Amino acid sequence: MAQSKLSCFWRKPDLGADALTGVSLHSHTNRSKESLYFIPQLAQKCPLLHAALEKQCKMSAIPVDFARAYWTTPLNPKQA
């Protein structure tokens, strides 16, 4: 049976040289800013979503700028 090992790329830049497989762990924290620029393009493909998004944007007192908008998770790095 093959042995599993956890390695950090920033500690060993050549770690993938002899690896057969690998898994990248990816997480978001309250320090992440995940862009929402893709939302209008996604909504264009779904009429129901497009209509709902337009309705919500029109109701907003502040113009919605998806190019600048982002979301942040509530988890801090230790929780993630």
PDB file of N, CA and C in Angstrom:
ATOM      1  N   MET A   1       0.841  -1.186   0.000  1.00  0.00           N
ATOM      2  CA  MET A   1       0.000   0.000   0.000  1.00  0.00           C
ATOM      3  C   MET A   1       0.883   1.246   0.000  1.00  0.00           C
ATOM      4  N   ALA A   2       0.506   2.229  -0.826  1.00  0.00           N
ATOM      5  CA  ALA A   2       1.279   3.468  -0.926  1.00  0.00           C
ATOM      6  C   ALA A   2       1.118   4.309   0.327  1.00  0.00           C
ATOM      7  N   GLN A   3       2.158   5.005   0.668  1.00  0.00           N
ATOM      8  CA  GLN A   3       2.140   5.871   1.842  1.00  0.00           C
ATOM      9  C   GLN A   3       1.690   7.268   1.454  1.00  0.00           C
ATOM     10  N   SER A   4       0.854   7.873   2.282  1.00  0.00           N
ATOM     11  CA  SER A   4       0.414   9.253   2.069  1.00  0.00           C
ATOM     12  C   SER A   4       1.344  10.194   2.818  1.00  0.00           C
ATOM     13  N   LYS A   5       1.537  11.375   2.235  1.00  0.00           N
ATOM     14  CA  LYS A   5       2.430  12.344   2.859  1.00  0.00           C
ATOM     15  C   LYS A   5       1.910  13.743   2.556  1.00  0.00           C
ATOM     16  N   LEU A   6       1.917  14.623   3.543  1.00  0.00           N
ATOM     17  CA  LEU A   6       1.516  16.012   3.360  1.00  0.00           C
ATOM     18  C   LEU A   6       2.774  16.849   3.182  1.00  0.00           C
ATOM     19  N   SER A   7       2.831  17.595   2.082  1.00  0.00           N
ATOM     20  CA  SER A   7       3.968  18.466   1.811  1.00  0.00           C
ATOM     21  C   SER A   7       3.468  19.854   1.473  1.00  0.00           C
ATOM     22  N   CYS A   8       4.236  20.851   1.806  1.00  0.00           N
ATOM     23  CA  CYS A   8       3.875  22.236   1.516  1.00  0.00           C
ATOM     24  C   CYS A   8       4.802  22.754   0.420  1.00  0.00           C
ATOM     25  N   PHE A   9       4.214  23.216  -0.673  1.00  0.00           N
ATOM     26  CA  PHE A   9       4.978  23.668  -1.830  1.00  0.00           C
ATOM     27  C   PHE A   9       5.955  24.780  -1.478  1.00  0.00           C
ATOM     28  N   TRP A  10       5.541  25.689  -0.580  1.00  0.00           N
ATOM     29  CA  TRP A  10       6.419  26.819  -0.267  1.00  0.00           C
ATOM     30  C   TRP A  10       7.642  26.389   0.538  1.00  0.00           C
ATOM     31  N   ARG A  11       7.597  25.188   1.125  1.00  0.00           N
ATOM     32  CA  ARG A  11       8.756  24.700   1.865  1.00  0.00           C
ATOM     33  C   ARG A  11       9.677  23.846   0.986  1.00  0.00           C
ATOM     34  N   LYS A  12       9.089  23.273  -0.066  1.00  0.00           N
ATOM     35  CA  LYS A  12       9.847  22.377  -0.942  1.00  0.00           C
ATOM     36  C   LYS A  12       9.376  22.588  -2.378  1.00  0.00           C
ATOM     37  N   PRO A  13       9.897  23.591  -3.078  1.00  0.00           N
ATOM     38  CA  PRO A  13       9.424  23.938  -4.418  1.00  0.00           C
ATOM     39  C   PRO A  13       9.481  22.801  -5.442  1.00  0.00           C
ATOM     40  N   ASP A  14      10.363  21.830  -5.244  1.00  0.00           N
ATOM     41  CA  ASP A  14      10.479  20.729  -6.206  1.00  0.00           C
ATOM     42  C   ASP A  14       9.679  19.497  -5.780  1.00  0.00           C
ATOM     43  N   LEU A  15       8.734  19.643  -4.882  1.00  0.00           N
ATOM     44  CA  LEU A  15       8.039  18.486  -4.326  1.00  0.00           C
ATOM     45  C   LEU A  15       7.272  17.669  -5.359  1.00  0.00           C
ATOM     46  N   GLY A  16       6.861  18.249  -6.465  1.00  0.00           N
ATOM     47  CA  GLY A  16       6.106  17.504  -7.467  1.00  0.00           C
ATOM     48  C   GLY A  16       6.957  16.703  -8.427  1.00  0.00           C
ATOM     49  N   ALA A  17       8.254  16.814  -8.338  1.00  0.00           N
ATOM     50  CA  ALA A  17       9.150  16.168  -9.303  1.00  0.00           C
ATOM     51  C   ALA A  17       8.981  14.648  -9.363  1.00  0.00           C
ATOM     52  N   ASP A  18       8.795  13.993  -8.240  1.00  0.00           N
ATOM     53  CA  ASP A  18       8.666  12.532  -8.239  1.00  0.00           C
ATOM     54  C   ASP A  18       7.277  12.050  -7.816  1.00  0.00           C
ATOM     55  N   ALA A  19       6.320  12.935  -7.717  1.00  0.00           N
ATOM     56  CA  ALA A  19       4.974  12.561  -7.276  1.00  0.00           C
ATOM     57  C   ALA A  19       4.166  11.940  -8.410  1.00  0.00           C
ATOM     58  N   LEU A  20       3.389  10.925  -8.090  1.00  0.00           N
ATOM     59  CA  LEU A  20       2.490  10.313  -9.063  1.00  0.00           C
ATOM     60  C   LEU A  20       1.123  11.005  -9.049  1.00  0.00           C
ATOM     61  N   THR A  21       0.697  11.453  -7.884  1.00  0.00           N
ATOM     62  CA  THR A  21      -0.584  12.155  -7.732  1.00  0.00           C
ATOM     63  C   THR A  21      -0.418  13.256  -6.703  1.00  0.00           C
ATOM     64  N   GLY A  22      -1.386  14.152  -6.677  1.00  0.00           N
ATOM     65  CA  GLY A  22      -1.364  15.224  -5.692  1.00  0.00           C
ATOM     66  C   GLY A  22      -2.741  15.815  -5.495  1.00  0.00           C
ATOM     67  N   VAL A  23      -2.956  16.415  -4.360  1.00  0.00           N
ATOM     68  CA  VAL A  23      -4.217  17.067  -4.038  1.00  0.00           C
ATOM     69  C   VAL A  23      -3.888  18.462  -3.528  1.00  0.00           C
ATOM     70  N   SER A  24      -4.580  19.438  -4.063  1.00  0.00           N
ATOM     71  CA  SER A  24      -4.397  20.805  -3.606  1.00  0.00           C
ATOM     72  C   SER A  24      -5.547  21.162  -2.676  1.00  0.00           C
ATOM     73  N   LEU A  25      -5.231  21.515  -1.454  1.00  0.00           N
ATOM     74  CA  LEU A  25      -6.250  21.936  -0.505  1.00  0.00           C
ATOM     75  C   LEU A  25      -6.449  23.431  -0.680  1.00  0.00           C
ATOM     76  N   HIS A  26      -7.688  23.821  -0.868  1.00  0.00           N
ATOM     77  CA  HIS A  26      -7.997  25.226  -1.142  1.00  0.00           C
ATOM     78  C   HIS A  26      -9.132  25.646  -0.223  1.00  0.00           C
ATOM     79  N   SER A  27      -8.990  26.788   0.374  1.00  0.00           N
ATOM     80  CA  SER A  27     -10.025  27.262   1.286  1.00  0.00           C
ATOM     81  C   SER A  27     -10.126  28.778   1.204  1.00  0.00           C
ATOM     82  N   HIS A  28     -11.222  29.293   1.679  1.00  0.00           N
ATOM     83  CA  HIS A  28     -11.442  30.731   1.744  1.00  0.00           C
ATOM     84  C   HIS A  28     -11.623  31.127   3.196  1.00  0.00           C
ATOM     85  N   THR A  29     -11.107  32.293   3.545  1.00  0.00           N
ATOM     86  CA  THR A  29     -11.245  32.790   4.913  1.00  0.00           C
ATOM     87  C   THR A  29     -11.784  34.214   4.876  1.00  0.00           C
ATOM     88  N   ASN A  30     -11.979  34.777   6.059  1.00  0.00           N
ATOM     89  CA  ASN A  30     -12.468  36.150   6.138  1.00  0.00           C
ATOM     90  C   ASN A  30     -11.421  37.154   5.662  1.00  0.00           C
ATOM     91  N   ARG A  31     -10.277  36.663   5.248  1.00  0.00           N
ATOM     92  CA  ARG A  31      -9.255  37.532   4.655  1.00  0.00           C
ATOM     93  C   ARG A  31      -9.257  37.422   3.129  1.00  0.00           C
ATOM     94  N   SER A  32     -10.093  36.539   2.591  1.00  0.00           N
ATOM     95  CA  SER A  32     -10.201  36.367   1.140  1.00  0.00           C
ATOM     96  C   SER A  32     -11.206  37.361   0.572  1.00  0.00           C
ATOM     97  N   LYS A  33     -10.972  37.800  -0.625  1.00  0.00           N
ATOM     98  CA  LYS A  33     -11.927  38.628  -1.356  1.00  0.00           C
ATOM     99  C   LYS A  33     -12.187  37.924  -2.682  1.00  0.00           C
ATOM    100  N   GLU A  34     -13.313  37.219  -2.754  1.00  0.00           N
ATOM    101  CA  GLU A  34     -13.649  36.456  -3.948  1.00  0.00           C
ATOM    102  C   GLU A  34     -14.540  37.295  -4.856  1.00  0.00           C
ATOM    103  N   SER A  35     -14.060  37.567  -6.041  1.00  0.00           N
ATOM    104  CA  SER A  35     -14.738  38.460  -6.985  1.00  0.00           C
ATOM    105  C   SER A  35     -16.102  37.920  -7.430  1.00  0.00           C
ATOM    106  N   LEU A  36     -17.021  38.839  -7.692  1.00  0.00           N
ATOM    107  CA  LEU A  36     -18.352  38.492  -8.194  1.00  0.00           C
ATOM    108  C   LEU A  36     -18.540  38.956  -9.634  1.00  0.00           C
ATOM    109  N   TYR A  37     -17.442  39.245 -10.331  1.00  0.00           N
ATOM    110  CA  TYR A  37     -17.520  39.779 -11.696  1.00  0.00           C
ATOM    111  C   TYR A  37     -18.267  38.857 -12.654  1.00  0.00           C
ATOM    112  N   PHE A  38     -18.260  37.549 -12.404  1.00  0.00           N
ATOM    113  CA  PHE A  38     -18.849  36.574 -13.309  1.00  0.00           C
ATOM    114  C   PHE A  38     -20.372  36.432 -13.180  1.00  0.00           C
ATOM    115  N   ILE A  39     -20.956  37.010 -12.143  1.00  0.00           N
ATOM    116  CA  ILE A  39     -22.385  36.832 -11.872  1.00  0.00           C
ATOM    117  C   ILE A  39     -23.275  37.306 -13.034  1.00  0.00           C
ATOM    118  N   PRO A  40     -23.092  38.510 -13.580  1.00  0.00           N
ATOM    119  CA  PRO A  40     -23.956  38.930 -14.690  1.00  0.00           C
ATOM    120  C   PRO A  40     -23.867  38.002 -15.910  1.00  0.00           C
ATOM    121  N   GLN A  41     -22.663  37.520 -16.233  1.00  0.00           N
ATOM    122  CA  GLN A  41     -22.502  36.599 -17.361  1.00  0.00           C
ATOM    123  C   GLN A  41     -23.223  35.283 -17.094  1.00  0.00           C
ATOM    124  N   LEU A  42     -23.133  34.802 -15.888  1.00  0.00           N
ATOM    125  CA  LEU A  42     -23.830  33.576 -15.500  1.00  0.00           C
ATOM    126  C   LEU A  42     -25.337  33.775 -15.578  1.00  0.00           C
ATOM    127  N   ALA A  43     -25.813  34.915 -15.113  1.00  0.00           N
ATOM    128  CA  ALA A  43     -27.254  35.205 -15.111  1.00  0.00           C
ATOM    129  C   ALA A  43     -27.809  35.289 -16.533  1.00  0.00           C
ATOM    130  N   GLN A  44     -27.001  35.731 -17.492  1.00  0.00           N
ATOM    131  CA  GLN A  44     -27.445  35.818 -18.882  1.00  0.00           C
ATOM    132  C   GLN A  44     -27.853  34.445 -19.422  1.00  0.00           C
ATOM    133  N   LYS A  45     -27.281  33.389 -18.891  1.00  0.00           N
ATOM    134  CA  LYS A  45     -27.556  32.025 -19.355  1.00  0.00           C
ATOM    135  C   LYS A  45     -28.804  31.431 -18.721  1.00  0.00           C
ATOM    136  N   CYS A  46     -29.334  32.091 -17.705  1.00  0.00           N
ATOM    137  CA  CYS A  46     -30.506  31.568 -16.987  1.00  0.00           C
ATOM    138  C   CYS A  46     -31.533  32.697 -16.839  1.00  0.00           C
ATOM    139  N   PRO A  47     -32.592  32.693 -17.654  1.00  0.00           N
ATOM    140  CA  PRO A  47     -33.567  33.789 -17.635  1.00  0.00           C
ATOM    141  C   PRO A  47     -34.163  34.084 -16.255  1.00  0.00           C
ATOM    142  N   LEU A  48     -34.444  33.066 -15.482  1.00  0.00           N
ATOM    143  CA  LEU A  48     -35.017  33.277 -14.151  1.00  0.00           C
ATOM    144  C   LEU A  48     -34.023  34.004 -13.237  1.00  0.00           C
ATOM    145  N   LEU A  49     -32.788  33.564 -13.263  1.00  0.00           N
ATOM    146  CA  LEU A  49     -31.750  34.210 -12.457  1.00  0.00           C
ATOM    147  C   LEU A  49     -31.517  35.635 -12.945  1.00  0.00           C
ATOM    148  N   HIS A  50     -31.504  35.824 -14.259  1.00  0.00           N
ATOM    149  CA  HIS A  50     -31.302  37.158 -14.841  1.00  0.00           C
ATOM    150  C   HIS A  50     -32.387  38.129 -14.376  1.00  0.00           C
ATOM    151  N   ALA A  51     -33.629  37.684 -14.432  1.00  0.00           N
ATOM    152  CA  ALA A  51     -34.753  38.536 -14.012  1.00  0.00           C
ATOM    153  C   ALA A  51     -34.655  38.875 -12.525  1.00  0.00           C
ATOM    154  N   ALA A  52     -34.331  37.893 -11.705  1.00  0.00           N
ATOM    155  CA  ALA A  52     -34.219  38.122 -10.263  1.00  0.00           C
ATOM    156  C   ALA A  52     -33.070  39.072  -9.946  1.00  0.00           C
ATOM    157  N   LEU A  53     -31.953  38.895 -10.636  1.00  0.00           N
ATOM    158  CA  LEU A  53     -30.800  39.766 -10.410  1.00  0.00           C
ATOM    159  C   LEU A  53     -31.103  41.199 -10.814  1.00  0.00           C
ATOM    160  N   GLU A  54     -31.729  41.377 -11.965  1.00  0.00           N
ATOM    161  CA  GLU A  54     -32.096  42.725 -12.412  1.00  0.00           C
ATOM    162  C   GLU A  54     -33.047  43.394 -11.428  1.00  0.00           C
ATOM    163  N   LYS A  55     -34.013  42.628 -10.936  1.00  0.00           N
ATOM    164  CA  LYS A  55     -34.983  43.173  -9.980  1.00  0.00           C
ATOM    165  C   LYS A  55     -34.266  43.646  -8.709  1.00  0.00           C
ATOM    166  N   GLN A  56     -33.371  42.813  -8.194  1.00  0.00           N
ATOM    167  CA  GLN A  56     -32.647  43.171  -6.973  1.00  0.00           C
ATOM    168  C   GLN A  56     -31.734  44.380  -7.195  1.00  0.00           C
ATOM    169  N   CYS A  57     -31.088  44.441  -8.351  1.00  0.00           N
ATOM    170  CA  CYS A  57     -30.202  45.571  -8.646  1.00  0.00           C
ATOM    171  C   CYS A  57     -30.989  46.879  -8.746  1.00  0.00           C
ATOM    172  N   LYS A  58     -32.195  46.812  -9.321  1.00  0.00           N
ATOM    173  CA  LYS A  58     -33.025  48.012  -9.438  1.00  0.00           C
ATOM    174  C   LYS A  58     -33.532  48.475  -8.083  1.00  0.00           C
ATOM    175  N   MET A  59     -33.728  47.545  -7.152  1.00  0.00           N
ATOM    176  CA  MET A  59     -34.215  47.889  -5.819  1.00  0.00           C
ATOM    177  C   MET A  59     -33.119  48.478  -4.934  1.00  0.00           C
ATOM    178  N   SER A  60     -31.870  48.257  -5.308  1.00  0.00           N
ATOM    179  CA  SER A  60     -30.748  48.716  -4.498  1.00  0.00           C
ATOM    180  C   SER A  60     -30.595  50.232  -4.591  1.00  0.00           C
ATOM    181  N   ALA A  61     -30.379  50.855  -3.455  1.00  0.00           N
ATOM    182  CA  ALA A  61     -30.164  52.303  -3.419  1.00  0.00           C
ATOM    183  C   ALA A  61     -28.763  52.654  -3.929  1.00  0.00           C
ATOM    184  N   ILE A  62     -27.871  51.680  -3.901  1.00  0.00           N
ATOM    185  CA  ILE A  62     -26.498  51.872  -4.352  1.00  0.00           C
ATOM    186  C   ILE A  62     -26.311  51.082  -5.650  1.00  0.00           C
ATOM    187  N   PRO A  63     -25.772  51.705  -6.700  1.00  0.00           N
ATOM    188  CA  PRO A  63     -25.538  50.956  -7.944  1.00  0.00           C
ATOM    189  C   PRO A  63     -24.642  49.743  -7.697  1.00  0.00           C
ATOM    190  N   VAL A  64     -25.009  48.612  -8.284  1.00  0.00           N
ATOM    191  CA  VAL A  64     -24.245  47.383  -8.101  1.00  0.00           C
ATOM    192  C   VAL A  64     -23.160  47.306  -9.170  1.00  0.00           C
ATOM    193  N   ASP A  65     -21.913  47.213  -8.730  1.00  0.00           N
ATOM    194  CA  ASP A  65     -20.778  47.108  -9.637  1.00  0.00           C
ATOM    195  C   ASP A  65     -20.129  45.743  -9.416  1.00  0.00           C
ATOM    196  N   PHE A  66     -20.518  44.765 -10.231  1.00  0.00           N
ATOM    197  CA  PHE A  66     -20.013  43.406 -10.042  1.00  0.00           C
ATOM    198  C   PHE A  66     -18.515  43.302 -10.306  1.00  0.00           C
ATOM    199  N   ALA A  67     -17.956  44.204 -11.068  1.00  0.00           N
ATOM    200  CA  ALA A  67     -16.514  44.189 -11.324  1.00  0.00           C
ATOM    201  C   ALA A  67     -15.729  44.506 -10.045  1.00  0.00           C
ATOM    202  N   ARG A  68     -16.331  45.263  -9.147  1.00  0.00           N
ATOM    203  CA  ARG A  68     -15.669  45.621  -7.891  1.00  0.00           C
ATOM    204  C   ARG A  68     -16.204  44.857  -6.694  1.00  0.00           C
ATOM    205  N   ALA A  69     -17.342  44.185  -6.868  1.00  0.00           N
ATOM    206  CA  ALA A  69     -17.980  43.476  -5.753  1.00  0.00           C
ATOM    207  C   ALA A  69     -17.231  42.182  -5.414  1.00  0.00           C
ATOM    208  N   TYR A  70     -17.288  41.785  -4.152  1.00  0.00           N
ATOM    209  CA  TYR A  70     -16.674  40.541  -3.713  1.00  0.00           C
ATOM    210  C   TYR A  70     -17.413  40.007  -2.493  1.00  0.00           C
ATOM    211  N   TRP A  71     -17.197  38.741  -2.192  1.00  0.00           N
ATOM    212  CA  TRP A  71     -17.754  38.152  -0.985  1.00  0.00           C
ATOM    213  C   TRP A  71     -16.613  37.630  -0.125  1.00  0.00           C
ATOM    214  N   THR A  72     -16.887  37.520   1.155  1.00  0.00           N
ATOM    215  CA  THR A  72     -15.923  37.046   2.132  1.00  0.00           C
ATOM    216  C   THR A  72     -16.628  36.059   3.045  1.00  0.00           C
ATOM    217  N   THR A  73     -15.994  34.943   3.311  1.00  0.00           N
ATOM    218  CA  THR A  73     -16.604  33.960   4.204  1.00  0.00           C
ATOM    219  C   THR A  73     -16.470  34.422   5.653  1.00  0.00           C
ATOM    220  N   PRO A  74     -17.278  33.887   6.557  1.00  0.00           N
ATOM    221  CA  PRO A  74     -17.166  34.277   7.964  1.00  0.00           C
ATOM    222  C   PRO A  74     -16.045  33.556   8.713  1.00  0.00           C
ATOM    223  N   LEU A  75     -15.396  32.565   8.090  1.00  0.00           N
ATOM    224  CA  LEU A  75     -14.377  31.796   8.778  1.00  0.00           C
ATOM    225  C   LEU A  75     -13.033  32.522   8.849  1.00  0.00           C
ATOM    226  N   ASN A  76     -12.441  32.513  10.029  1.00  0.00           N
ATOM    227  CA  ASN A  76     -11.075  33.033  10.128  1.00  0.00           C
ATOM    228  C   ASN A  76     -10.112  31.915   9.720  1.00  0.00           C
ATOM    229  N   PRO A  77      -8.829  32.210   9.489  1.00  0.00           N
ATOM    230  CA  PRO A  77      -7.907  31.177   9.021  1.00  0.00           C
ATOM    231  C   PRO A  77      -7.834  29.931   9.905  1.00  0.00           C
ATOM    232  N   LYS A  78      -7.890  30.106  11.202  1.00  0.00           N
ATOM    233  CA  LYS A  78      -7.819  28.941  12.103  1.00  0.00           C
ATOM    234  C   LYS A  78      -9.063  28.048  11.940  1.00  0.00           C
ATOM    235  N   GLN A  79     -10.241  28.657  11.764  1.00  0.00           N
ATOM    236  CA  GLN A  79     -11.456  27.872  11.568  1.00  0.00           C
ATOM    237  C   GLN A  79     -11.445  27.132  10.237  1.00  0.00           C
ATOM    238  N   ALA A  80     -10.880  27.753   9.223  1.00  0.00           N
ATOM    239  CA  ALA A  80     -10.846  27.117   7.899  1.00  0.00           C
ATOM    240  C   ALA A  80      -9.869  25.973   7.897  1.00  0.00           C
TER     241      ALA A  80
END
